[in-house]
Amino acid sequence: MIITPLFVVFLVVVFILVWLFINTIDKRKWLTFLISLVLAPIVYFYLFYPMLNIFSSYHHQKYFNTEAWKEKPALRYEMIGNIVDESLFTGKTKSEVEMLLGKSEWFGWDDSIKANSPEKWNYNLGIKPGAFNKMQECVEFSFSNNRVNTIKQYQLKQKFE
């Protein structure tokens, strides 16, 4: 376990809340301190921390890695931040993108030709973890003159059939 300042702050807050609650039950300071000291980590790890993970949308960020992209497509959402922020694919050719990411999973819709365009490659990024998340993360690479022009990240509503 890594002890971070945020962890310590949250643990202290939970300790204070447990202390105040136990103080309403018994006024003996040594006993309330001892019970609070024992119960604070239990309350933190079994109540506070799970609820924090359920309702927050935090997820790990990773650097782009070709092998991980191809082997674990459900975890691609962890790498997309690095791809977009660093503009890793801007200016790359279609063959370079296909070599790094694999074949396009589907072509994007182009209103100008009223059809799916081979100039818009889409990849599924997976679903970000969270209790109430029903959105599938996707990314679209738009090409012009056989080079990546723009990278757009978007979400699709997940349908279960």
Protein backbone atom coordinates (compact mmCIF):
# COMPACT_ATOMS: atom_id res chain seq x y z
CA MET A 1 0.00 0.00 0.00
CA ILE A 2 1.29 3.44 -0.94
CA ILE A 3 0.76 6.14 1.67
CA THR A 4 -0.07 9.41 -0.07
CA PRO A 5 -1.06 12.78 1.43
CA LEU A 6 -4.63 12.31 0.15
CA PHE A 7 -4.81 8.89 1.81
CA VAL A 8 -3.64 10.37 5.13
CA VAL A 9 -6.15 13.23 4.91
CA PHE A 10 -9.03 10.86 4.16
CA LEU A 11 -7.97 8.52 6.96
CA VAL A 12 -7.79 11.42 9.43
CA VAL A 13 -11.25 12.62 8.36
CA VAL A 14 -12.67 9.11 8.82
CA PHE A 15 -10.93 8.86 12.22
CA ILE A 16 -12.47 12.16 13.35
CA LEU A 17 -15.93 11.10 12.19
CA VAL A 18 -15.63 7.74 13.96
CA TRP A 19 -14.31 9.53 17.09
CA LEU A 20 -17.29 11.89 17.11
CA PHE A 21 -19.70 9.00 16.65
CA ILE A 22 -18.12 6.88 19.40
CA ASN A 23 -18.12 9.94 21.70
CA THR A 24 -21.92 9.96 21.56
CA ILE A 25 -21.97 6.39 22.87
CA ASP A 26 -19.35 6.56 25.63
CA LYS A 27 -17.60 9.54 27.26
CA ARG A 28 -14.45 7.73 28.42
CA LYS A 29 -11.71 9.33 26.31
CA TRP A 30 -9.25 6.43 26.42
CA LEU A 31 -11.92 3.97 25.31
CA THR A 32 -13.26 6.18 22.51
CA PHE A 33 -9.71 6.77 21.27
CA LEU A 34 -8.90 3.05 21.30
CA ILE A 35 -12.13 2.07 19.52
CA SER A 36 -11.73 4.91 16.98
CA LEU A 37 -8.15 3.89 16.31
CA VAL A 38 -9.23 0.33 15.58
CA LEU A 39 -12.42 1.16 13.65
CA ALA A 40 -11.07 4.00 11.47
CA PRO A 41 -9.09 1.75 9.05
CA ILE A 42 -11.98 -0.73 8.91
CA VAL A 43 -14.51 2.00 8.13
CA TYR A 44 -12.11 3.55 5.62
CA PHE A 45 -11.33 0.37 3.66
CA TYR A 46 -14.75 -1.28 3.84
CA LEU A 47 -17.13 1.71 3.61
CA PHE A 48 -15.50 4.97 2.55
CA TYR A 49 -13.02 3.72 -0.08
CA PRO A 50 -15.48 1.42 -1.93
CA MET A 51 -18.08 4.20 -2.06
CA LEU A 52 -15.46 6.63 -3.34
CA ASN A 53 -14.53 4.18 -6.14
CA ILE A 54 -18.16 3.55 -7.08
CA PHE A 55 -19.09 7.20 -7.48
CA SER A 56 -15.85 8.62 -8.87
CA SER A 57 -14.71 8.05 -12.44
CA TYR A 58 -11.00 7.78 -11.73
CA HIS A 59 -8.99 5.41 -13.90
CA HIS A 60 -5.31 4.79 -14.51
CA GLN A 61 -3.50 6.62 -17.29
CA LYS A 62 -0.86 4.70 -19.22
CA TYR A 63 1.58 5.53 -21.96
CA PHE A 64 0.80 4.18 -25.41
CA ASN A 65 2.13 0.68 -26.04
CA THR A 66 1.43 -1.19 -29.29
CA GLU A 67 1.47 -4.66 -27.72
CA ALA A 68 -0.92 -3.65 -24.92
CA TRP A 69 -3.22 -1.93 -27.46
CA LYS A 70 -3.52 -5.12 -29.50
CA GLU A 71 -3.57 -7.64 -26.65
CA LYS A 72 -5.98 -5.86 -24.27
CA PRO A 73 -8.54 -3.87 -26.29
CA ALA A 74 -10.82 -3.44 -23.26
CA LEU A 75 -8.12 -1.33 -21.55
CA ARG A 76 -7.35 1.03 -24.42
CA TYR A 77 -9.14 3.88 -22.64
CA GLU A 78 -6.11 4.01 -20.31
CA MET A 79 -3.80 4.92 -23.22
CA ILE A 80 -5.99 7.34 -25.19
CA GLY A 81 -5.06 10.31 -23.00
CA ASN A 82 -1.41 9.90 -23.94
CA ILE A 83 -2.28 9.51 -27.64
CA VAL A 84 -4.43 12.65 -27.74
CA ASP A 85 -2.35 14.85 -25.41
CA GLU A 86 0.97 14.09 -27.09
CA SER A 87 -0.49 14.01 -30.65
CA LEU A 88 1.36 10.74 -31.20
CA PHE A 89 -0.44 9.89 -34.44
CA THR A 90 -0.90 13.31 -36.03
CA GLY A 91 0.82 13.27 -39.41
CA LYS A 92 1.30 9.49 -39.55
CA THR A 93 0.30 7.60 -42.68
CA LYS A 94 -2.43 4.97 -42.86
CA SER A 95 0.13 2.17 -43.06
CA GLU A 96 1.95 3.46 -39.96
CA VAL A 97 -1.33 3.70 -38.02
CA GLU A 98 -2.33 0.19 -39.14
CA MET A 99 1.05 -1.16 -38.09
CA LEU A 100 0.80 0.43 -34.61
CA LEU A 101 -2.93 0.01 -33.88
CA GLY A 102 -4.01 -2.82 -36.13
CA LYS A 103 -6.73 -2.78 -38.75
CA SER A 104 -9.54 -0.27 -38.31
CA GLU A 105 -12.53 -1.77 -36.49
CA TRP A 106 -15.08 0.28 -38.46
CA PHE A 107 -15.21 3.29 -40.76
CA GLY A 108 -16.81 6.54 -39.62
CA TRP A 109 -19.76 8.25 -41.24
CA ASP A 110 -19.02 11.09 -43.67
CA ASP A 111 -21.93 13.45 -44.36
CA SER A 112 -20.37 14.79 -47.54
CA ILE A 113 -20.55 11.40 -49.27
CA LYS A 114 -23.51 10.06 -47.19
CA ALA A 115 -21.67 6.80 -46.48
CA ASN A 116 -18.98 5.27 -44.30
CA SER A 117 -15.67 6.73 -45.36
CA PRO A 118 -12.38 4.82 -45.49
CA GLU A 119 -10.79 8.13 -44.47
CA LYS A 120 -12.28 7.85 -40.93
CA TRP A 121 -10.95 4.92 -38.91
CA ASN A 122 -12.62 4.05 -35.62
CA TYR A 123 -11.37 1.93 -32.73
CA ASN A 124 -13.15 0.73 -29.60
CA LEU A 125 -11.44 1.81 -26.37
CA GLY A 126 -13.48 -0.21 -23.88
CA ILE A 127 -15.63 0.96 -20.99
CA LYS A 128 -14.24 3.13 -18.22
CA PRO A 129 -14.82 1.58 -14.79
CA GLY A 130 -17.64 2.93 -12.68
CA ALA A 131 -20.90 1.77 -11.18
CA PHE A 132 -23.21 3.80 -13.39
CA ASN A 133 -21.15 4.03 -16.57
CA LYS A 134 -22.97 2.69 -19.62
CA MET A 135 -20.92 4.53 -22.21
CA GLN A 136 -18.41 2.85 -24.52
CA GLU A 137 -15.31 4.91 -25.28
CA CYS A 138 -14.24 5.20 -28.94
CA VAL A 139 -11.68 7.10 -30.97
CA GLU A 140 -11.80 8.24 -34.59
CA PHE A 141 -8.74 8.99 -36.72
CA SER A 142 -9.53 11.24 -39.69
CA PHE A 143 -7.18 11.15 -42.64
CA SER A 144 -6.52 13.68 -45.38
CA ASN A 145 -3.91 13.06 -48.08
CA ASN A 146 -3.22 9.64 -46.50
CA ARG A 147 -2.08 11.24 -43.21
CA VAL A 148 -3.81 11.58 -39.82
CA ASN A 149 -5.43 14.99 -39.69
CA THR A 150 -7.50 14.85 -36.48
CA ILE A 151 -8.09 12.48 -33.59
CA LYS A 152 -11.51 12.62 -31.97
CA GLN A 153 -12.52 10.75 -28.83
CA TYR A 154 -16.25 10.13 -28.32
CA GLN A 155 -18.69 7.91 -26.45
CA LEU A 156 -21.39 5.50 -27.60
CA LYS A 157 -24.25 4.26 -25.47
CA GLN A 158 -23.72 0.58 -24.71
CA LYS A 159 -26.57 -1.69 -25.82
CA PHE A 160 -27.05 -5.07 -24.20
CA GLU A 161 -29.09 -7.50 -26.22
